[in-house]
All heavy atoms as atom14 arrays in JSON, in Angstrom:
{
  "sequence": "RPDPYAFDLAPPPLAVASLDPGRYVVLHPYSRWR",
  "atom14_mask": [
    [1, 1, 1, 1, 1, 1, 1, 1, 1, 1, 1, 0, 0, 0],
    [1, 1, 1, 1, 1, 1, 1, 0, 0, 0, 0, 0, 0, 0],
    [1, 1, 1, 1, 1, 1, 1, 1, 0, 0, 0, 0, 0, 0],
    [1, 1, 1, 1, 1, 1, 1, 0, 0, 0, 0, 0, 0, 0],
    [1, 1, 1, 1, 1, 1, 1, 1, 1, 1, 1, 1, 0, 0],
    [1, 1, 1, 1, 1, 0, 0, 0, 0, 0, 0, 0, 0, 0],
    [1, 1, 1, 1, 1, 1, 1, 1, 1, 1, 1, 0, 0, 0],
    [1, 1, 1, 1, 1, 1, 1, 1, 0, 0, 0, 0, 0, 0],
    [1, 1, 1, 1, 1, 1, 1, 1, 0, 0, 0, 0, 0, 0],
    [1, 1, 1, 1, 1, 0, 0, 0, 0, 0, 0, 0, 0, 0],
    [1, 1, 1, 1, 1, 1, 1, 0, 0, 0, 0, 0, 0, 0],
    [1, 1, 1, 1, 1, 1, 1, 0, 0, 0, 0, 0, 0, 0],
    [1, 1, 1, 1, 1, 1, 1, 0, 0, 0, 0, 0, 0, 0],
    [1, 1, 1, 1, 1, 1, 1, 1, 0, 0, 0, 0, 0, 0],
    [1, 1, 1, 1, 1, 0, 0, 0, 0, 0, 0, 0, 0, 0],
    [1, 1, 1, 1, 1, 1, 1, 0, 0, 0, 0, 0, 0, 0],
    [1, 1, 1, 1, 1, 0, 0, 0, 0, 0, 0, 0, 0, 0],
    [1, 1, 1, 1, 1, 1, 0, 0, 0, 0, 0, 0, 0, 0],
    [1, 1, 1, 1, 1, 1, 1, 1, 0, 0, 0, 0, 0, 0],
    [1, 1, 1, 1, 1, 1, 1, 1, 0, 0, 0, 0, 0, 0],
    [1, 1, 1, 1, 1, 1, 1, 0, 0, 0, 0, 0, 0, 0],
    [1, 1, 1, 1, 0, 0, 0, 0, 0, 0, 0, 0, 0, 0],
    [1, 1, 1, 1, 1, 1, 1, 1, 1, 1, 1, 0, 0, 0],
    [1, 1, 1, 1, 1, 1, 1, 1, 1, 1, 1, 1, 0, 0],
    [1, 1, 1, 1, 1, 1, 1, 0, 0, 0, 0, 0, 0, 0],
    [1, 1, 1, 1, 1, 1, 1, 0, 0, 0, 0, 0, 0, 0],
    [1, 1, 1, 1, 1, 1, 1, 1, 0, 0, 0, 0, 0, 0],
    [1, 1, 1, 1, 1, 1, 1, 1, 1, 1, 0, 0, 0, 0],
    [1, 1, 1, 1, 1, 1, 1, 0, 0, 0, 0, 0, 0, 0],
    [1, 1, 1, 1, 1, 1, 1, 1, 1, 1, 1, 1, 0, 0],
    [1, 1, 1, 1, 1, 1, 0, 0, 0, 0, 0, 0, 0, 0],
    [1, 1, 1, 1, 1, 1, 1, 1, 1, 1, 1, 0, 0, 0],
    [1, 1, 1, 1, 1, 1, 1, 1, 1, 1, 1, 1, 1, 1],
    [1, 1, 1, 1, 1, 1, 1, 1, 1, 1, 1, 0, 0, 0]
  ],
  "atom14_positions": [
    [[0.84, -1.19, 0.0], [0.0, 0.0, 0.0], [0.88, 1.25, 0.0], [1.65, 1.47, 0.93], [-0.91, 0.01, 1.23], [-1.88, 1.18, 1.26], [-2.8, 1.09, 2.46], [-3.72, 2.22, 2.52], [-4.64, 2.4, 3.46], [-4.75, 1.49, 4.43], [-5.43, 3.44, 3.43], [0.0, 0.0, 0.0], [0.0, 0.0, 0.0], [0.0, 0.0, 0.0]],
    [[0.79, 2.09, -1.04], [1.69, 3.25, -1.12], [1.2, 4.44, -0.31], [0.0, 4.6, -0.07], [1.67, 3.59, -2.61], [0.32, 3.16, -3.08], [-0.04, 1.94, -2.25], [0.0, 0.0, 0.0], [0.0, 0.0, 0.0], [0.0, 0.0, 0.0], [0.0, 0.0, 0.0], [0.0, 0.0, 0.0], [0.0, 0.0, 0.0], [0.0, 0.0, 0.0]],
    [[2.14, 5.25, 0.11], [1.86, 6.54, 0.74], [2.43, 7.62, -0.18], [3.66, 7.75, -0.28], [2.5, 6.61, 2.12], [2.26, 7.95, 2.82], [1.71, 8.86, 2.17], [2.65, 8.08, 4.0], [0.0, 0.0, 0.0], [0.0, 0.0, 0.0], [0.0, 0.0, 0.0], [0.0, 0.0, 0.0], [0.0, 0.0, 0.0], [0.0, 0.0, 0.0]],
    [[1.6, 8.38, -0.88], [2.12, 9.34, -1.87], [2.95, 10.46, -1.26], [3.7, 11.13, -1.98], [0.85, 9.89, -2.52], [-0.23, 9.67, -1.52], [0.13, 8.39, -0.81], [0.0, 0.0, 0.0], [0.0, 0.0, 0.0], [0.0, 0.0, 0.0], [0.0, 0.0, 0.0], [0.0, 0.0, 0.0], [0.0, 0.0, 0.0], [0.0, 0.0, 0.0]],
    [[2.84, 10.66, 0.06], [3.6, 11.74, 0.7], [4.84, 11.24, 1.44], [5.51, 12.02, 2.12], [2.7, 12.48, 1.68], [1.46, 13.08, 1.05], [0.19, 12.7, 1.49], [1.55, 14.0, 0.02], [-0.96, 13.24, 0.91], [0.42, 14.53, -0.57], [-0.84, 14.15, -0.12], [-1.96, 14.68, -0.71], [0.0, 0.0, 0.0], [0.0, 0.0, 0.0]],
    [[5.16, 9.98, 1.28], [6.3, 9.4, 2.02], [7.6, 9.63, 1.28], [8.29, 8.69, 0.87], [6.06, 7.92, 2.27], [0.0, 0.0, 0.0], [0.0, 0.0, 0.0], [0.0, 0.0, 0.0], [0.0, 0.0, 0.0], [0.0, 0.0, 0.0], [0.0, 0.0, 0.0], [0.0, 0.0, 0.0], [0.0, 0.0, 0.0], [0.0, 0.0, 0.0]],
    [[7.96, 10.89, 1.09], [9.21, 11.22, 0.42], [10.41, 11.0, 1.35], [11.49, 10.64, 0.9], [9.18, 12.68, -0.05], [8.06, 12.96, -1.01], [6.87, 13.53, -0.59], [8.19, 12.64, -2.36], [5.84, 13.8, -1.47], [7.16, 12.9, -3.26], [5.97, 13.48, -2.81], [0.0, 0.0, 0.0], [0.0, 0.0, 0.0], [0.0, 0.0, 0.0]],
    [[10.2, 11.27, 2.62], [11.21, 11.01, 3.67], [12.55, 11.65, 3.36], [13.61, 11.07, 3.57], [11.37, 9.51, 3.89], [10.19, 8.89, 4.61], [9.14, 9.56, 4.72], [10.29, 7.74, 5.06], [0.0, 0.0, 0.0], [0.0, 0.0, 0.0], [0.0, 0.0, 0.0], [0.0, 0.0, 0.0], [0.0, 0.0, 0.0], [0.0, 0.0, 0.0]],
    [[12.52, 12.87, 2.86], [13.75, 13.63, 2.63], [14.25, 14.2, 3.95], [13.45, 14.59, 4.8], [13.5, 14.75, 1.62], [13.23, 14.29, 0.19], [12.56, 15.4, -0.61], [14.52, 13.86, -0.48], [0.0, 0.0, 0.0], [0.0, 0.0, 0.0], [0.0, 0.0, 0.0], [0.0, 0.0, 0.0], [0.0, 0.0, 0.0], [0.0, 0.0, 0.0]],
    [[15.54, 14.25, 4.11], [16.13, 14.73, 5.36], [17.17, 15.8, 5.06], [18.37, 15.52, 5.02], [16.75, 13.57, 6.14], [0.0, 0.0, 0.0], [0.0, 0.0, 0.0], [0.0, 0.0, 0.0], [0.0, 0.0, 0.0], [0.0, 0.0, 0.0], [0.0, 0.0, 0.0], [0.0, 0.0, 0.0], [0.0, 0.0, 0.0], [0.0, 0.0, 0.0]],
    [[16.73, 17.04, 4.84], [17.69, 18.11, 4.54], [18.49, 18.49, 5.78], [18.05, 18.26, 6.91], [16.79, 19.27, 4.1], [15.48, 19.01, 4.76], [15.33, 17.52, 4.82], [0.0, 0.0, 0.0], [0.0, 0.0, 0.0], [0.0, 0.0, 0.0], [0.0, 0.0, 0.0], [0.0, 0.0, 0.0], [0.0, 0.0, 0.0], [0.0, 0.0, 0.0]],
    [[19.65, 19.08, 5.59], [20.44, 19.55, 6.73], [19.79, 20.8, 7.33], [18.86, 21.37, 6.74], [21.79, 19.88, 6.09], [21.46, 20.24, 4.67], [20.32, 19.34, 4.3], [0.0, 0.0, 0.0], [0.0, 0.0, 0.0], [0.0, 0.0, 0.0], [0.0, 0.0, 0.0], [0.0, 0.0, 0.0], [0.0, 0.0, 0.0], [0.0, 0.0, 0.0]],
    [[20.23, 21.23, 8.5], [19.69, 22.47, 9.09], [19.94, 23.67, 8.17], [20.93, 23.71, 7.44], [20.46, 22.6, 10.4], [20.94, 21.23, 10.71], [21.21, 20.57, 9.38], [0.0, 0.0, 0.0], [0.0, 0.0, 0.0], [0.0, 0.0, 0.0], [0.0, 0.0, 0.0], [0.0, 0.0, 0.0], [0.0, 0.0, 0.0], [0.0, 0.0, 0.0]],
    [[19.03, 24.63, 8.22], [19.19, 25.86, 7.44], [20.43, 26.61, 7.93], [20.56, 26.91, 9.11], [17.95, 26.73, 7.6], [17.93, 28.05, 6.83], [17.96, 27.8, 5.33], [16.7, 28.87, 7.21], [0.0, 0.0, 0.0], [0.0, 0.0, 0.0], [0.0, 0.0, 0.0], [0.0, 0.0, 0.0], [0.0, 0.0, 0.0], [0.0, 0.0, 0.0]],
    [[21.34, 26.89, 6.99], [22.61, 27.5, 7.37], [22.81, 28.87, 6.75], [23.95, 29.35, 6.66], [23.76, 26.56, 6.97], [0.0, 0.0, 0.0], [0.0, 0.0, 0.0], [0.0, 0.0, 0.0], [0.0, 0.0, 0.0], [0.0, 0.0, 0.0], [0.0, 0.0, 0.0], [0.0, 0.0, 0.0], [0.0, 0.0, 0.0], [0.0, 0.0, 0.0]],
    [[21.73, 29.51, 6.29], [21.82, 30.86, 5.72], [21.4, 31.83, 6.81], [20.22, 31.93, 7.16], [20.93, 31.0, 4.48], [21.08, 32.4, 3.87], [21.27, 29.94, 3.44], [0.0, 0.0, 0.0], [0.0, 0.0, 0.0], [0.0, 0.0, 0.0], [0.0, 0.0, 0.0], [0.0, 0.0, 0.0], [0.0, 0.0, 0.0], [0.0, 0.0, 0.0]],
    [[22.36, 32.54, 7.36], [22.13, 33.35, 8.55], [21.07, 34.43, 8.36], [20.35, 34.78, 9.3], [23.45, 34.0, 9.0], [0.0, 0.0, 0.0], [0.0, 0.0, 0.0], [0.0, 0.0, 0.0], [0.0, 0.0, 0.0], [0.0, 0.0, 0.0], [0.0, 0.0, 0.0], [0.0, 0.0, 0.0], [0.0, 0.0, 0.0], [0.0, 0.0, 0.0]],
    [[20.93, 34.94, 7.14], [20.0, 36.05, 6.91], [18.57, 35.58, 6.65], [17.7, 36.41, 6.36], [20.49, 36.91, 5.74], [20.62, 36.12, 4.57], [0.0, 0.0, 0.0], [0.0, 0.0, 0.0], [0.0, 0.0, 0.0], [0.0, 0.0, 0.0], [0.0, 0.0, 0.0], [0.0, 0.0, 0.0], [0.0, 0.0, 0.0], [0.0, 0.0, 0.0]],
    [[18.31, 34.29, 6.75], [16.97, 33.76, 6.53], [16.42, 33.19, 7.83], [17.04, 32.32, 8.44], [16.98, 32.67, 5.45], [17.39, 33.09, 4.03], [17.38, 31.89, 3.1], [16.47, 34.19, 3.5], [0.0, 0.0, 0.0], [0.0, 0.0, 0.0], [0.0, 0.0, 0.0], [0.0, 0.0, 0.0], [0.0, 0.0, 0.0], [0.0, 0.0, 0.0]],
    [[15.25, 33.68, 8.23], [14.58, 33.17, 9.42], [13.55, 32.13, 9.01], [12.68, 32.42, 8.17], [13.88, 34.31, 10.18], [14.86, 35.32, 10.74], [15.98, 34.91, 11.11], [14.51, 36.51, 10.8], [0.0, 0.0, 0.0], [0.0, 0.0, 0.0], [0.0, 0.0, 0.0], [0.0, 0.0, 0.0], [0.0, 0.0, 0.0], [0.0, 0.0, 0.0]],
    [[13.61, 30.93, 9.58], [12.67, 29.88, 9.18], [11.22, 30.33, 9.23], [10.77, 30.95, 10.2], [12.95, 28.78, 10.22], [14.37, 28.97, 10.61], [14.57, 30.47, 10.6], [0.0, 0.0, 0.0], [0.0, 0.0, 0.0], [0.0, 0.0, 0.0], [0.0, 0.0, 0.0], [0.0, 0.0, 0.0], [0.0, 0.0, 0.0], [0.0, 0.0, 0.0]],
    [[10.51, 30.07, 8.15], [9.1, 30.39, 8.06], [8.78, 31.83, 7.75], [7.61, 32.19, 7.59], [0.0, 0.0, 0.0], [0.0, 0.0, 0.0], [0.0, 0.0, 0.0], [0.0, 0.0, 0.0], [0.0, 0.0, 0.0], [0.0, 0.0, 0.0], [0.0, 0.0, 0.0], [0.0, 0.0, 0.0], [0.0, 0.0, 0.0], [0.0, 0.0, 0.0]],
    [[9.8, 32.67, 7.61], [9.55, 34.1, 7.45], [10.12, 34.66, 6.14], [10.3, 35.87, 6.01], [10.13, 34.87, 8.64], [9.56, 34.41, 9.98], [10.05, 35.25, 11.12], [9.57, 36.64, 11.01], [9.88, 37.6, 11.88], [10.68, 37.33, 12.91], [9.41, 38.81, 11.71], [0.0, 0.0, 0.0], [0.0, 0.0, 0.0], [0.0, 0.0, 0.0]],
    [[10.39, 33.81, 5.2], [10.88, 34.27, 3.9], [10.17, 33.5, 2.79], [9.59, 32.44, 3.01], [12.4, 34.1, 3.79], [12.89, 32.68, 3.89], [13.03, 31.87, 2.76], [13.22, 32.12, 5.13], [13.48, 30.57, 2.84], [13.66, 30.82, 5.23], [13.8, 30.05, 4.09], [14.22, 28.74, 4.17], [0.0, 0.0, 0.0], [0.0, 0.0, 0.0]],
    [[10.24, 34.07, 1.59], [9.61, 33.48, 0.4], [10.72, 33.11, -0.59], [11.6, 33.92, -0.87], [8.63, 34.46, -0.26], [8.12, 33.92, -1.6], [7.46, 34.76, 0.68], [0.0, 0.0, 0.0], [0.0, 0.0, 0.0], [0.0, 0.0, 0.0], [0.0, 0.0, 0.0], [0.0, 0.0, 0.0], [0.0, 0.0, 0.0], [0.0, 0.0, 0.0]],
    [[10.65, 31.9, -1.11], [11.59, 31.46, -2.13], [10.98, 31.68, -3.51], [9.82, 31.32, -3.75], [11.96, 29.97, -1.96], [12.78, 29.48, -3.15], [12.73, 29.76, -0.66], [0.0, 0.0, 0.0], [0.0, 0.0, 0.0], [0.0, 0.0, 0.0], [0.0, 0.0, 0.0], [0.0, 0.0, 0.0], [0.0, 0.0, 0.0], [0.0, 0.0, 0.0]],
    [[11.75, 32.27, -4.4], [11.36, 32.43, -5.79], [12.27, 31.55, -6.64], [13.5, 31.67, -6.57], [11.5, 33.89, -6.24], [10.71, 34.94, -5.46], [11.02, 36.34, -5.99], [9.21, 34.67, -5.53], [0.0, 0.0, 0.0], [0.0, 0.0, 0.0], [0.0, 0.0, 0.0], [0.0, 0.0, 0.0], [0.0, 0.0, 0.0], [0.0, 0.0, 0.0]],
    [[11.67, 30.68, -7.44], [12.45, 29.87, -8.39], [11.92, 30.19, -9.79], [10.86, 29.72, -10.19], [12.32, 28.38, -8.11], [13.06, 27.57, -9.13], [12.45, 26.97, -10.2], [14.39, 27.3, -9.27], [13.36, 26.36, -10.95], [14.53, 26.55, -10.41], [0.0, 0.0, 0.0], [0.0, 0.0, 0.0], [0.0, 0.0, 0.0], [0.0, 0.0, 0.0]],
    [[12.68, 30.98, -10.57], [12.15, 31.49, -11.85], [12.54, 30.69, -13.09], [12.24, 31.12, -14.2], [12.78, 32.89, -11.91], [14.1, 32.72, -11.23], [13.9, 31.67, -10.17], [0.0, 0.0, 0.0], [0.0, 0.0, 0.0], [0.0, 0.0, 0.0], [0.0, 0.0, 0.0], [0.0, 0.0, 0.0], [0.0, 0.0, 0.0], [0.0, 0.0, 0.0]],
    [[13.2, 29.54, -12.93], [13.79, 28.87, -14.08], [13.08, 27.58, -14.47], [12.37, 26.96, -13.68], [15.27, 28.57, -13.81], [16.09, 29.82, -13.62], [16.64, 30.13, -12.39], [16.3, 30.69, -14.68], [17.4, 31.28, -12.21], [17.05, 31.85, -14.52], [17.6, 32.14, -13.27], [18.33, 33.27, -13.11], [0.0, 0.0, 0.0], [0.0, 0.0, 0.0]],
    [[13.33, 27.17, -15.71], [12.88, 25.89, -16.24], [13.64, 25.63, -17.53], [14.08, 26.57, -18.21], [11.38, 25.87, -16.52], [11.0, 24.66, -17.16], [0.0, 0.0, 0.0], [0.0, 0.0, 0.0], [0.0, 0.0, 0.0], [0.0, 0.0, 0.0], [0.0, 0.0, 0.0], [0.0, 0.0, 0.0], [0.0, 0.0, 0.0], [0.0, 0.0, 0.0]],
    [[13.77, 24.37, -17.91], [14.44, 24.06, -19.17], [13.56, 24.38, -20.37], [14.05, 24.52, -21.48], [14.86, 22.59, -19.2], [16.05, 22.28, -18.3], [16.48, 20.84, -18.43], [15.47, 19.92, -17.93], [15.6, 18.6, -17.96], [16.68, 18.06, -18.48], [14.64, 17.83, -17.47], [0.0, 0.0, 0.0], [0.0, 0.0, 0.0], [0.0, 0.0, 0.0]],
    [[12.24, 24.46, -20.15], [11.32, 24.84, -21.21], [11.04, 26.35, -21.14], [10.64, 26.86, -20.09], [9.99, 24.11, -21.06], [10.0, 22.66, -21.33], [11.06, 21.8, -21.24], [8.89, 21.88, -21.74], [10.68, 20.54, -21.55], [9.34, 20.54, -21.86], [7.55, 22.17, -22.01], [8.5, 19.5, -22.25], [6.71, 21.14, -22.38], [7.18, 19.82, -22.51]],
    [[11.22, 27.03, -22.24], [10.93, 28.46, -22.26], [9.45, 28.73, -22.0], [9.07, 29.73, -21.41], [11.34, 29.05, -23.61], [11.17, 30.55, -23.68], [11.64, 31.11, -25.02], [11.49, 32.55, -25.06], [11.78, 33.29, -26.13], [12.23, 32.72, -27.22], [11.61, 34.59, -26.1], [0.0, 0.0, 0.0], [0.0, 0.0, 0.0], [0.0, 0.0, 0.0]]
  ]
}
């Protein structure tokens, strides 16, 4: 039985001093398709 949300990724702690967890917005503007 699958769990579609069971990605189980384990990123390291946030190490960017100028970013407060939960208080910033990430913009990703790129793609390989124009």
